[in-house]
Amino acid sequence: MHLPFEPWPLWHVGRARHLWGRLFKPLRRGDFRLLVLEVLKRRPMHGYEVAKEISELFGGLYEPSPGMVYPTLQWLEDEGYVKADQVDGKKVYSITEAGLRFLESRGDSIKRVMETCTGFLSDERFKLFSEGRRLAQTVLLLLTDATDEQLREAARIIEDARKRIAELMIK
């Protein structure tokens, strides 16, 4: 069977997991709700917007799932830390005074959480990751509307770039 891509050898998967563990310090229990409150402090949002704001805090490397966001919002609402209003048939969440006090009472924790979000990647790593994402988006756009010749040329350019980048790891 011929695959249209070269699969990663299993040892690469282990290395990627190890690297991810070094780059990303996992959130502690209860940290996610602090993040939700922190982003809601900026403005009222839909649950989807909350997830996107948190993802942006991590430079797009972490995107919370709906299964993480909505139960957390429900818990925060049950505790009185956020309120949900219906706007155009959708729930829009906003932080309450109790939520602000809760967040303020955990100043050291929220500081640590925000440092985890913003400090786990150096500027150089973040720039590299962002450029990799932009390349992937460009490739996906090219796949939808390119000639075979353009696709071959794009594949050649990417392969050349991959080889040059791999050489950096040897130096």
C-alpha atoms as a PDB file:
ATOM      1  CA  MET A   1       0.000   0.000   0.000  1.00  0.00           C
ATOM      2  CA  HIS A   2       1.403   3.399  -0.971  1.00  0.00           C
ATOM      3  CA  LEU A   3       0.717   6.273   1.390  1.00  0.00           C
ATOM      4  CA  PRO A   4       0.463   9.777  -0.055  1.00  0.00           C
ATOM      5  CA  PHE A   5       2.770  10.969   2.729  1.00  0.00           C
ATOM      6  CA  GLU A   6       5.825   9.724   4.553  1.00  0.00           C
ATOM      7  CA  PRO A   7       4.691   8.509   8.005  1.00  0.00           C
ATOM      8  CA  TRP A   8       6.706   9.555  11.025  1.00  0.00           C
ATOM      9  CA  PRO A   9       8.737   6.689  12.432  1.00  0.00           C
ATOM     10  CA  LEU A  10       7.538   5.772  15.919  1.00  0.00           C
ATOM     11  CA  TRP A  11      10.689   7.134  17.543  1.00  0.00           C
ATOM     12  CA  HIS A  12       9.752  10.579  16.217  1.00  0.00           C
ATOM     13  CA  VAL A  13       6.402  10.382  18.012  1.00  0.00           C
ATOM     14  CA  GLY A  14       8.184   9.715  21.299  1.00  0.00           C
ATOM     15  CA  ARG A  15      10.594  12.576  20.673  1.00  0.00           C
ATOM     16  CA  ALA A  16       7.721  14.928  19.842  1.00  0.00           C
ATOM     17  CA  ARG A  17       5.899  13.986  23.043  1.00  0.00           C
ATOM     18  CA  HIS A  18       9.083  14.509  25.044  1.00  0.00           C
ATOM     19  CA  LEU A  19       9.688  17.891  23.386  1.00  0.00           C
ATOM     20  CA  TRP A  20       6.052  18.920  23.955  1.00  0.00           C
ATOM     21  CA  GLY A  21       6.394  18.000  27.626  1.00  0.00           C
ATOM     22  CA  ARG A  22       9.475  20.205  27.889  1.00  0.00           C
ATOM     23  CA  LEU A  23       7.886  23.138  26.058  1.00  0.00           C
ATOM     24  CA  PHE A  24       4.478  22.995  27.667  1.00  0.00           C
ATOM     25  CA  LYS A  25       4.015  22.877  31.411  1.00  0.00           C
ATOM     26  CA  PRO A  26       0.583  21.366  31.984  1.00  0.00           C
ATOM     27  CA  LEU A  27      -2.005  23.370  33.833  1.00  0.00           C
ATOM     28  CA  ARG A  28      -2.690  22.374  37.414  1.00  0.00           C
ATOM     29  CA  ARG A  29      -6.096  21.378  38.707  1.00  0.00           C
ATOM     30  CA  GLY A  30      -8.330  24.440  38.784  1.00  0.00           C
ATOM     31  CA  ASP A  31      -6.105  26.517  36.510  1.00  0.00           C
ATOM     32  CA  PHE A  32      -8.419  26.273  33.522  1.00  0.00           C
ATOM     33  CA  ARG A  33     -11.275  27.971  35.330  1.00  0.00           C
ATOM     34  CA  LEU A  34      -8.894  30.805  36.241  1.00  0.00           C
ATOM     35  CA  LEU A  35      -8.014  31.161  32.555  1.00  0.00           C
ATOM     36  CA  VAL A  36     -11.694  31.285  31.631  1.00  0.00           C
ATOM     37  CA  LEU A  37     -12.331  34.002  34.196  1.00  0.00           C
ATOM     38  CA  GLU A  38      -9.245  35.902  33.074  1.00  0.00           C
ATOM     39  CA  VAL A  39     -10.393  36.039  29.440  1.00  0.00           C
ATOM     40  CA  LEU A  40     -13.961  36.896  30.462  1.00  0.00           C
ATOM     41  CA  LYS A  41     -12.549  39.811  32.438  1.00  0.00           C
ATOM     42  CA  ARG A  42     -11.752  41.424  29.068  1.00  0.00           C
ATOM     43  CA  ARG A  43     -15.290  41.290  27.677  1.00  0.00           C
ATOM     44  CA  PRO A  44     -18.400  39.079  27.518  1.00  0.00           C
ATOM     45  CA  MET A  45     -18.003  36.143  25.118  1.00  0.00           C
ATOM     46  CA  HIS A  46     -19.598  33.041  23.649  1.00  0.00           C
ATOM     47  CA  GLY A  47     -18.038  29.752  24.749  1.00  0.00           C
ATOM     48  CA  TYR A  48     -16.380  29.406  21.347  1.00  0.00           C
ATOM     49  CA  GLU A  49     -14.748  32.815  21.787  1.00  0.00           C
ATOM     50  CA  VAL A  50     -13.498  31.807  25.235  1.00  0.00           C
ATOM     51  CA  ALA A  51     -11.775  28.777  23.683  1.00  0.00           C
ATOM     52  CA  LYS A  52     -10.213  30.929  20.948  1.00  0.00           C
ATOM     53  CA  GLU A  53      -8.965  33.540  23.430  1.00  0.00           C
ATOM     54  CA  ILE A  54      -7.335  30.839  25.554  1.00  0.00           C
ATOM     55  CA  SER A  55      -5.808  29.301  22.451  1.00  0.00           C
ATOM     56  CA  GLU A  56      -4.331  32.684  21.535  1.00  0.00           C
ATOM     57  CA  LEU A  57      -2.762  32.925  25.000  1.00  0.00           C
ATOM     58  CA  PHE A  58      -0.859  29.751  24.106  1.00  0.00           C
ATOM     59  CA  GLY A  59       0.075  30.981  20.658  1.00  0.00           C
ATOM     60  CA  GLY A  60      -2.268  28.445  19.091  1.00  0.00           C
ATOM     61  CA  LEU A  61      -0.370  25.471  20.519  1.00  0.00           C
ATOM     62  CA  TYR A  62      -3.221  24.556  22.821  1.00  0.00           C
ATOM     63  CA  GLU A  63      -6.873  24.820  21.947  1.00  0.00           C
ATOM     64  CA  PRO A  64      -9.303  23.724  24.632  1.00  0.00           C
ATOM     65  CA  SER A  65     -12.056  21.415  23.505  1.00  0.00           C
ATOM     66  CA  PRO A  66     -15.751  22.207  23.904  1.00  0.00           C
ATOM     67  CA  GLY A  67     -15.789  19.354  26.432  1.00  0.00           C
ATOM     68  CA  MET A  68     -13.418  21.417  28.555  1.00  0.00           C
ATOM     69  CA  VAL A  69     -14.879  24.889  27.995  1.00  0.00           C
ATOM     70  CA  TYR A  70     -18.620  24.386  28.418  1.00  0.00           C
ATOM     71  CA  PRO A  71     -18.577  22.295  31.617  1.00  0.00           C
ATOM     72  CA  THR A  72     -16.183  24.857  33.109  1.00  0.00           C
ATOM     73  CA  LEU A  73     -18.493  27.707  32.133  1.00  0.00           C
ATOM     74  CA  GLN A  74     -21.420  25.802  33.648  1.00  0.00           C
ATOM     75  CA  TRP A  75     -19.504  25.231  36.894  1.00  0.00           C
ATOM     76  CA  LEU A  76     -18.521  28.902  37.037  1.00  0.00           C
ATOM     77  CA  GLU A  77     -22.149  29.887  36.415  1.00  0.00           C
ATOM     78  CA  ASP A  78     -23.378  27.492  39.127  1.00  0.00           C
ATOM     79  CA  GLU A  79     -20.893  29.060  41.554  1.00  0.00           C
ATOM     80  CA  GLY A  80     -22.038  32.568  40.615  1.00  0.00           C
ATOM     81  CA  TYR A  81     -18.685  33.574  39.100  1.00  0.00           C
ATOM     82  CA  VAL A  82     -20.111  34.111  35.601  1.00  0.00           C
ATOM     83  CA  LYS A  83     -23.553  34.830  34.261  1.00  0.00           C
ATOM     84  CA  ALA A  84     -24.974  33.811  30.914  1.00  0.00           C
ATOM     85  CA  ASP A  85     -27.305  36.022  28.898  1.00  0.00           C
ATOM     86  CA  GLN A  86     -29.110  35.008  25.722  1.00  0.00           C
ATOM     87  CA  VAL A  87     -28.037  37.157  22.788  1.00  0.00           C
ATOM     88  CA  ASP A  88     -29.445  36.249  19.377  1.00  0.00           C
ATOM     89  CA  GLY A  89     -30.299  32.791  20.701  1.00  0.00           C
ATOM     90  CA  LYS A  90     -26.771  32.103  21.997  1.00  0.00           C
ATOM     91  CA  LYS A  91     -25.326  32.245  25.490  1.00  0.00           C
ATOM     92  CA  VAL A  92     -22.917  35.085  26.107  1.00  0.00           C
ATOM     93  CA  TYR A  93     -20.926  34.739  29.317  1.00  0.00           C
ATOM     94  CA  SER A  94     -19.644  37.580  31.445  1.00  0.00           C
ATOM     95  CA  ILE A  95     -17.744  37.632  34.711  1.00  0.00           C
ATOM     96  CA  THR A  96     -19.643  38.690  37.838  1.00  0.00           C
ATOM     97  CA  GLU A  97     -18.424  40.685  40.831  1.00  0.00           C
ATOM     98  CA  ALA A  98     -18.080  37.363  42.690  1.00  0.00           C
ATOM     99  CA  GLY A  99     -15.981  36.061  39.779  1.00  0.00           C
ATOM    100  CA  LEU A 100     -13.730  39.098  39.918  1.00  0.00           C
ATOM    101  CA  ARG A 101     -13.276  38.627  43.685  1.00  0.00           C
ATOM    102  CA  PHE A 102     -12.561  34.902  43.173  1.00  0.00           C
ATOM    103  CA  LEU A 103      -9.945  35.734  40.539  1.00  0.00           C
ATOM    104  CA  GLU A 104      -8.428  38.483  42.679  1.00  0.00           C
ATOM    105  CA  SER A 105      -8.186  36.140  45.683  1.00  0.00           C
ATOM    106  CA  ARG A 106      -6.061  33.821  43.579  1.00  0.00           C
ATOM    107  CA  GLY A 107      -3.623  36.472  42.376  1.00  0.00           C
ATOM    108  CA  ASP A 108      -0.522  34.293  42.727  1.00  0.00           C
ATOM    109  CA  SER A 109      -2.197  31.398  40.943  1.00  0.00           C
ATOM    110  CA  ILE A 110      -3.434  33.488  38.035  1.00  0.00           C
ATOM    111  CA  LYS A 111       0.004  35.084  37.704  1.00  0.00           C
ATOM    112  CA  ARG A 112       1.581  31.604  37.510  1.00  0.00           C
ATOM    113  CA  VAL A 113      -1.064  30.440  35.005  1.00  0.00           C
ATOM    114  CA  MET A 114      -0.520  33.474  32.776  1.00  0.00           C
ATOM    115  CA  GLU A 115       3.249  32.973  32.931  1.00  0.00           C
ATOM    116  CA  THR A 116       2.679  29.363  31.893  1.00  0.00           C
ATOM    117  CA  CYS A 117       0.642  30.550  28.902  1.00  0.00           C
ATOM    118  CA  THR A 118       2.979  33.247  27.732  1.00  0.00           C
ATOM    119  CA  GLY A 119       6.329  32.006  28.951  1.00  0.00           C
ATOM    120  CA  PHE A 120       6.543  28.427  27.794  1.00  0.00           C
ATOM    121  CA  LEU A 121       7.864  29.340  24.361  1.00  0.00           C
ATOM    122  CA  SER A 122      10.690  31.686  23.534  1.00  0.00           C
ATOM    123  CA  ASP A 123      10.055  34.324  20.917  1.00  0.00           C
ATOM    124  CA  GLU A 124      12.106  32.300  18.437  1.00  0.00           C
ATOM    125  CA  ARG A 125      10.125  29.090  19.021  1.00  0.00           C
ATOM    126  CA  PHE A 126       6.835  30.953  18.825  1.00  0.00           C
ATOM    127  CA  LYS A 127       7.881  32.623  15.555  1.00  0.00           C
ATOM    128  CA  LEU A 128       8.917  29.260  14.077  1.00  0.00           C
ATOM    129  CA  PHE A 129       5.650  27.641  15.121  1.00  0.00           C
ATOM    130  CA  SER A 130       3.616  30.556  13.721  1.00  0.00           C
ATOM    131  CA  GLU A 131       5.440  30.388  10.400  1.00  0.00           C
ATOM    132  CA  GLY A 132       4.866  26.627  10.259  1.00  0.00           C
ATOM    133  CA  ARG A 133       1.137  27.164  10.788  1.00  0.00           C
ATOM    134  CA  ARG A 134       1.061  29.843   8.095  1.00  0.00           C
ATOM    135  CA  LEU A 135       2.833  27.473   5.687  1.00  0.00           C
ATOM    136  CA  ALA A 136       0.298  24.728   6.432  1.00  0.00           C
ATOM    137  CA  GLN A 137      -2.576  27.149   5.778  1.00  0.00           C
ATOM    138  CA  THR A 138      -1.010  28.210   2.482  1.00  0.00           C
ATOM    139  CA  VAL A 139      -0.567  24.588   1.428  1.00  0.00           C
ATOM    140  CA  LEU A 140      -4.215  23.837   2.198  1.00  0.00           C
ATOM    141  CA  LEU A 141      -5.296  26.807   0.087  1.00  0.00           C
ATOM    142  CA  LEU A 142      -3.017  25.669  -2.732  1.00  0.00           C
ATOM    143  CA  LEU A 143      -4.527  22.172  -2.643  1.00  0.00           C
ATOM    144  CA  THR A 144      -7.967  23.573  -3.357  1.00  0.00           C
ATOM    145  CA  ASP A 145      -7.122  25.584  -6.447  1.00  0.00           C
ATOM    146  CA  ALA A 146      -3.767  24.762  -8.070  1.00  0.00           C
ATOM    147  CA  THR A 147      -2.604  23.120 -11.247  1.00  0.00           C
ATOM    148  CA  ASP A 148      -0.553  19.933 -11.164  1.00  0.00           C
ATOM    149  CA  GLU A 149       2.503  21.946 -12.168  1.00  0.00           C
ATOM    150  CA  GLN A 150       1.977  24.386  -9.265  1.00  0.00           C
ATOM    151  CA  LEU A 151       1.533  21.477  -6.863  1.00  0.00           C
ATOM    152  CA  ARG A 152       4.781  19.829  -8.070  1.00  0.00           C
ATOM    153  CA  GLU A 153       6.684  23.120  -7.713  1.00  0.00           C
ATOM    154  CA  ALA A 154       5.250  23.751  -4.235  1.00  0.00           C
ATOM    155  CA  ALA A 155       6.216  20.209  -3.162  1.00  0.00           C
ATOM    156  CA  ARG A 156       9.768  20.780  -4.476  1.00  0.00           C
ATOM    157  CA  ILE A 157      10.055  24.099  -2.584  1.00  0.00           C
ATOM    158  CA  ILE A 158       8.806  22.546   0.649  1.00  0.00           C
ATOM    159  CA  GLU A 159      11.135  19.546   0.304  1.00  0.00           C
ATOM    160  CA  ASP A 160      14.117  21.869  -0.260  1.00  0.00           C
ATOM    161  CA  ALA A 161      13.145  23.909   2.800  1.00  0.00           C
ATOM    162  CA  ARG A 162      12.701  20.745   4.878  1.00  0.00           C
ATOM    163  CA  LYS A 163      16.190  19.547   3.935  1.00  0.00           C
ATOM    164  CA  ARG A 164      17.735  22.912   4.767  1.00  0.00           C
ATOM    165  CA  ILE A 165      15.976  22.975   8.133  1.00  0.00           C
ATOM    166  CA  ALA A 166      17.076  19.390   8.869  1.00  0.00           C
ATOM    167  CA  GLU A 167      20.678  20.458   8.160  1.00  0.00           C
ATOM    168  CA  LEU A 168      20.342  23.080  10.917  1.00  0.00           C
ATOM    169  CA  MET A 169      19.853  20.288  13.440  1.00  0.00           C
ATOM    170  CA  ILE A 170      23.170  18.704  12.400  1.00  0.00           C
ATOM    171  CA  LYS A 171      25.215  21.905  12.765  1.00  0.00           C
END
